[in-house]
């Protein structure tokens, strides 16, 4: 990598951080939406 090693590894680290954050935020959002759907289904079942 010559003199560019620090830049290359920094880019790899930043890319990994973005991927991890993206995965984490998608999972959190999915859980939140799933819970909301469950609450709505329970509310509909109670109405009947």
PDB file of N, CA and C in Angstrom:
ATOM      1  N   UNK A   1       0.814  -1.190   0.000  1.00  0.00           N
ATOM      2  CA  UNK A   1       0.000   0.000   0.000  1.00  0.00           C
ATOM      3  C   UNK A   1       0.858   1.255   0.000  1.00  0.00           C
ATOM      4  N   UNK A   2       2.106   1.064   0.231  1.00  0.00           N
ATOM      5  CA  UNK A   2       2.999   2.214   0.176  1.00  0.00           C
ATOM      6  C   UNK A   2       2.679   3.223   1.259  1.00  0.00           C
ATOM      7  N   UNK A   3       2.652   4.455   0.876  1.00  0.00           N
ATOM      8  CA  UNK A   3       2.370   5.541   1.822  1.00  0.00           C
ATOM      9  C   UNK A   3       0.875   5.788   2.007  1.00  0.00           C
ATOM     10  N   UNK A   4       0.053   5.006   1.334  1.00  0.00           N
ATOM     11  CA  UNK A   4      -1.389   5.235   1.376  1.00  0.00           C
ATOM     12  C   UNK A   4      -2.118   4.322   2.368  1.00  0.00           C
ATOM     13  N   UNK A   5      -1.401   3.545   3.123  1.00  0.00           N
ATOM     14  CA  UNK A   5      -2.009   2.590   4.049  1.00  0.00           C
ATOM     15  C   UNK A   5      -2.969   3.226   5.039  1.00  0.00           C
ATOM     16  N   UNK A   6      -2.577   4.349   5.581  1.00  0.00           N
ATOM     17  CA  UNK A   6      -3.438   5.015   6.567  1.00  0.00           C
ATOM     18  C   UNK A   6      -4.760   5.442   5.928  1.00  0.00           C
ATOM     19  N   UNK A   7      -4.720   5.927   4.706  1.00  0.00           N
ATOM     20  CA  UNK A   7      -5.934   6.347   4.020  1.00  0.00           C
ATOM     21  C   UNK A   7      -6.800   5.137   3.664  1.00  0.00           C
ATOM     22  N   UNK A   8      -6.162   4.076   3.191  1.00  0.00           N
ATOM     23  CA  UNK A   8      -6.905   2.872   2.801  1.00  0.00           C
ATOM     24  C   UNK A   8      -7.607   2.274   4.008  1.00  0.00           C
ATOM     25  N   UNK A   9      -6.900   2.100   5.113  1.00  0.00           N
ATOM     26  CA  UNK A   9      -7.507   1.489   6.294  1.00  0.00           C
ATOM     27  C   UNK A   9      -8.569   2.390   6.915  1.00  0.00           C
ATOM     28  N   UNK A  10      -8.376   3.703   6.819  1.00  0.00           N
ATOM     29  CA  UNK A  10      -9.392   4.630   7.307  1.00  0.00           C
ATOM     30  C   UNK A  10     -10.668   4.498   6.483  1.00  0.00           C
ATOM     31  N   UNK A  11     -10.516   4.376   5.170  1.00  0.00           N
ATOM     32  CA  UNK A  11     -11.686   4.204   4.305  1.00  0.00           C
ATOM     33  C   UNK A  11     -12.385   2.880   4.597  1.00  0.00           C
ATOM     34  N   UNK A  12     -11.620   1.812   4.807  1.00  0.00           N
ATOM     35  CA  UNK A  12     -12.228   0.523   5.161  1.00  0.00           C
ATOM     36  C   UNK A  12     -12.989   0.639   6.478  1.00  0.00           C
ATOM     37  N   UNK A  13     -12.396   1.293   7.444  1.00  0.00           N
ATOM     38  CA  UNK A  13     -13.045   1.441   8.753  1.00  0.00           C
ATOM     39  C   UNK A  13     -14.320   2.268   8.638  1.00  0.00           C
ATOM     40  N   UNK A  14     -14.276   3.351   7.884  1.00  0.00           N
ATOM     41  CA  UNK A  14     -15.469   4.174   7.707  1.00  0.00           C
ATOM     42  C   UNK A  14     -16.562   3.416   6.960  1.00  0.00           C
ATOM     43  N   UNK A  15     -16.195   2.673   5.949  1.00  0.00           N
ATOM     44  CA  UNK A  15     -17.177   1.881   5.206  1.00  0.00           C
ATOM     45  C   UNK A  15     -17.808   0.830   6.111  1.00  0.00           C
ATOM     46  N   UNK A  16     -17.001   0.184   6.925  1.00  0.00           N
ATOM     47  CA  UNK A  16     -17.528  -0.802   7.853  1.00  0.00           C
ATOM     48  C   UNK A  16     -18.465  -0.150   8.864  1.00  0.00           C
ATOM     49  N   UNK A  17     -18.093   1.008   9.365  1.00  0.00           N
ATOM     50  CA  UNK A  17     -18.944   1.720  10.321  1.00  0.00           C
ATOM     51  C   UNK A  17     -20.288   2.083   9.693  1.00  0.00           C
ATOM     52  N   UNK A  18     -20.276   2.528   8.454  1.00  0.00           N
ATOM     53  CA  UNK A  18     -21.523   2.873   7.761  1.00  0.00           C
ATOM     54  C   UNK A  18     -22.390   1.633   7.574  1.00  0.00           C
ATOM     55  N   UNK A  19     -21.782   0.515   7.196  1.00  0.00           N
ATOM     56  CA  UNK A  19     -22.544  -0.721   7.016  1.00  0.00           C
ATOM     57  C   UNK A  19     -23.138  -1.219   8.327  1.00  0.00           C
ATOM     58  N   UNK A  20     -22.369  -1.160   9.387  1.00  0.00           N
ATOM     59  CA  UNK A  20     -22.862  -1.602  10.697  1.00  0.00           C
ATOM     60  C   UNK A  20     -23.996  -0.701  11.161  1.00  0.00           C
ATOM     61  N   UNK A  21     -23.837   0.605  11.022  1.00  0.00           N
ATOM     62  CA  UNK A  21     -24.889   1.540  11.420  1.00  0.00           C
ATOM     63  C   UNK A  21     -26.148   1.323  10.591  1.00  0.00           C
ATOM     64  N   UNK A  22     -25.987   1.128   9.307  1.00  0.00           N
ATOM     65  CA  UNK A  22     -27.130   0.915   8.426  1.00  0.00           C
ATOM     66  C   UNK A  22     -27.896  -0.337   8.827  1.00  0.00           C
ATOM     67  N   UNK A  23     -27.182  -1.416   9.100  1.00  0.00           N
ATOM     68  CA  UNK A  23     -27.815  -2.662   9.517  1.00  0.00           C
ATOM     69  C   UNK A  23     -28.526  -2.482  10.854  1.00  0.00           C
ATOM     70  N   UNK A  24     -27.858  -1.848  11.801  1.00  0.00           N
ATOM     71  CA  UNK A  24     -28.432  -1.627  13.127  1.00  0.00           C
ATOM     72  C   UNK A  24     -29.700  -0.779  13.042  1.00  0.00           C
ATOM     73  N   UNK A  25     -29.643   0.324  12.291  1.00  0.00           N
ATOM     74  CA  UNK A  25     -30.808   1.207  12.214  1.00  0.00           C
ATOM     75  C   UNK A  25     -31.975   0.519  11.509  1.00  0.00           C
ATOM     76  N   UNK A  26     -31.701  -0.319  10.519  1.00  0.00           N
ATOM     77  CA  UNK A  26     -32.764  -1.057   9.847  1.00  0.00           C
ATOM     78  C   UNK A  26     -33.420  -2.044  10.802  1.00  0.00           C
ATOM     79  N   UNK A  27     -32.620  -2.712  11.622  1.00  0.00           N
ATOM     80  CA  UNK A  27     -33.185  -3.662  12.593  1.00  0.00           C
ATOM     81  C   UNK A  27     -34.038  -2.947  13.641  1.00  0.00           C
ATOM     82  N   UNK A  28     -33.573  -1.803  14.120  1.00  0.00           N
ATOM     83  CA  UNK A  28     -34.332  -1.048  15.113  1.00  0.00           C
ATOM     84  C   UNK A  28     -35.654  -0.575  14.513  1.00  0.00           C
ATOM     85  N   UNK A  29     -35.609  -0.072  13.305  1.00  0.00           N
ATOM     86  CA  UNK A  29     -36.833   0.396  12.644  1.00  0.00           C
ATOM     87  C   UNK A  29     -37.789  -0.764  12.417  1.00  0.00           C
ATOM     88  N   UNK A  30     -37.275  -1.908  11.997  1.00  0.00           N
ATOM     89  CA  UNK A  30     -38.115  -3.078  11.770  1.00  0.00           C
ATOM     90  C   UNK A  30     -38.821  -3.492  13.059  1.00  0.00           C
ATOM     91  N   UNK A  31     -38.093  -3.521  14.165  1.00  0.00           N
ATOM     92  CA  UNK A  31     -38.702  -3.881  15.446  1.00  0.00           C
ATOM     93  C   UNK A  31     -39.789  -2.886  15.826  1.00  0.00           C
ATOM     94  N   UNK A  32     -39.532  -1.615  15.616  1.00  0.00           N
ATOM     95  CA  UNK A  32     -40.498  -0.572  15.964  1.00  0.00           C
ATOM     96  C   UNK A  32     -41.771  -0.711  15.132  1.00  0.00           C
ATOM     97  N   UNK A  33     -41.623  -0.928  13.836  1.00  0.00           N
ATOM     98  CA  UNK A  33     -42.782  -1.090  12.961  1.00  0.00           C
ATOM     99  C   UNK A  33     -43.537  -2.368  13.318  1.00  0.00           C
ATOM    100  N   UNK A  34     -42.823  -3.449  13.595  1.00  0.00           N
ATOM    101  CA  UNK A  34     -43.450  -4.719  13.956  1.00  0.00           C
ATOM    102  C   UNK A  34     -44.277  -4.561  15.234  1.00  0.00           C
ATOM    103  N   UNK A  35     -43.725  -3.865  16.237  1.00  0.00           N
ATOM    104  CA  UNK A  35     -44.459  -3.634  17.483  1.00  0.00           C
ATOM    105  C   UNK A  35     -45.708  -2.797  17.226  1.00  0.00           C
ATOM    106  N   UNK A  36     -45.582  -1.799  16.375  1.00  0.00           N
ATOM    107  CA  UNK A  36     -46.728  -0.963  16.043  1.00  0.00           C
ATOM    108  C   UNK A  36     -47.825  -1.789  15.372  1.00  0.00           C
ATOM    109  N   UNK A  37     -47.449  -2.664  14.473  1.00  0.00           N
ATOM    110  CA  UNK A  37     -48.422  -3.534  13.809  1.00  0.00           C
ATOM    111  C   UNK A  37     -49.094  -4.452  14.822  1.00  0.00           C
ATOM    112  N   UNK A  38     -48.319  -5.009  15.750  1.00  0.00           N
ATOM    113  CA  UNK A  38     -48.904  -5.873  16.779  1.00  0.00           C
ATOM    114  C   UNK A  38     -49.922  -5.117  17.625  1.00  0.00           C
ATOM    115  N   UNK A  39     -49.600  -3.890  17.998  1.00  0.00           N
ATOM    116  CA  UNK A  39     -50.515  -3.076  18.807  1.00  0.00           C
ATOM    117  C   UNK A  39     -51.799  -2.807  18.025  1.00  0.00           C
ATOM    118  N   UNK A  40     -51.671  -2.492  16.756  1.00  0.00           N
ATOM    119  CA  UNK A  40     -52.858  -2.220  15.946  1.00  0.00           C
ATOM    120  C   UNK A  40     -53.727  -3.466  15.788  1.00  0.00           C
ATOM    121  N   UNK A  41     -53.104  -4.621  15.602  1.00  0.00           N
ATOM    122  CA  UNK A  41     -53.869  -5.865  15.478  1.00  0.00           C
ATOM    123  C   UNK A  41     -54.610  -6.162  16.776  1.00  0.00           C
ATOM    124  N   UNK A  42     -53.940  -6.003  17.914  1.00  0.00           N
ATOM    125  CA  UNK A  42     -54.590  -6.236  19.207  1.00  0.00           C
ATOM    126  C   UNK A  42     -55.746  -5.268  19.408  1.00  0.00           C
ATOM    127  N   UNK A  43     -55.588  -4.017  19.004  1.00  0.00           N
ATOM    128  CA  UNK A  43     -56.664  -3.035  19.138  1.00  0.00           C
ATOM    129  C   UNK A  43     -57.858  -3.428  18.269  1.00  0.00           C
ATOM    130  N   UNK A  44     -57.600  -3.927  17.085  1.00  0.00           N
ATOM    131  CA  UNK A  44     -58.693  -4.368  16.206  1.00  0.00           C
ATOM    132  C   UNK A  44     -59.396  -5.587  16.784  1.00  0.00           C
ATOM    133  N   UNK A  45     -58.630  -6.507  17.380  1.00  0.00           N
ATOM    134  CA  UNK A  45     -59.225  -7.703  17.961  1.00  0.00           C
ATOM    135  C   UNK A  45     -60.095  -7.344  19.169  1.00  0.00           C
ATOM    136  N   UNK A  46     -59.705  -6.361  19.946  1.00  0.00           N
ATOM    137  CA  UNK A  46     -60.474  -5.949  21.107  1.00  0.00           C
ATOM    138  C   UNK A  46     -61.772  -5.260  20.716  1.00  0.00           C
ATOM    139  N   UNK A  47     -61.805  -4.631  19.562  1.00  0.00           N
ATOM    140  CA  UNK A  47     -63.002  -3.934  19.093  1.00  0.00           C
ATOM    141  C   UNK A  47     -64.102  -4.918  18.725  1.00  0.00           C
ATOM    142  N   UNK A  48     -63.718  -6.108  18.328  1.00  0.00           N
ATOM    143  CA  UNK A  48     -64.711  -7.090  17.863  1.00  0.00           C
ATOM    144  C   UNK A  48     -65.330  -7.848  18.985  1.00  0.00           C
TER     145      UNK A  48
END
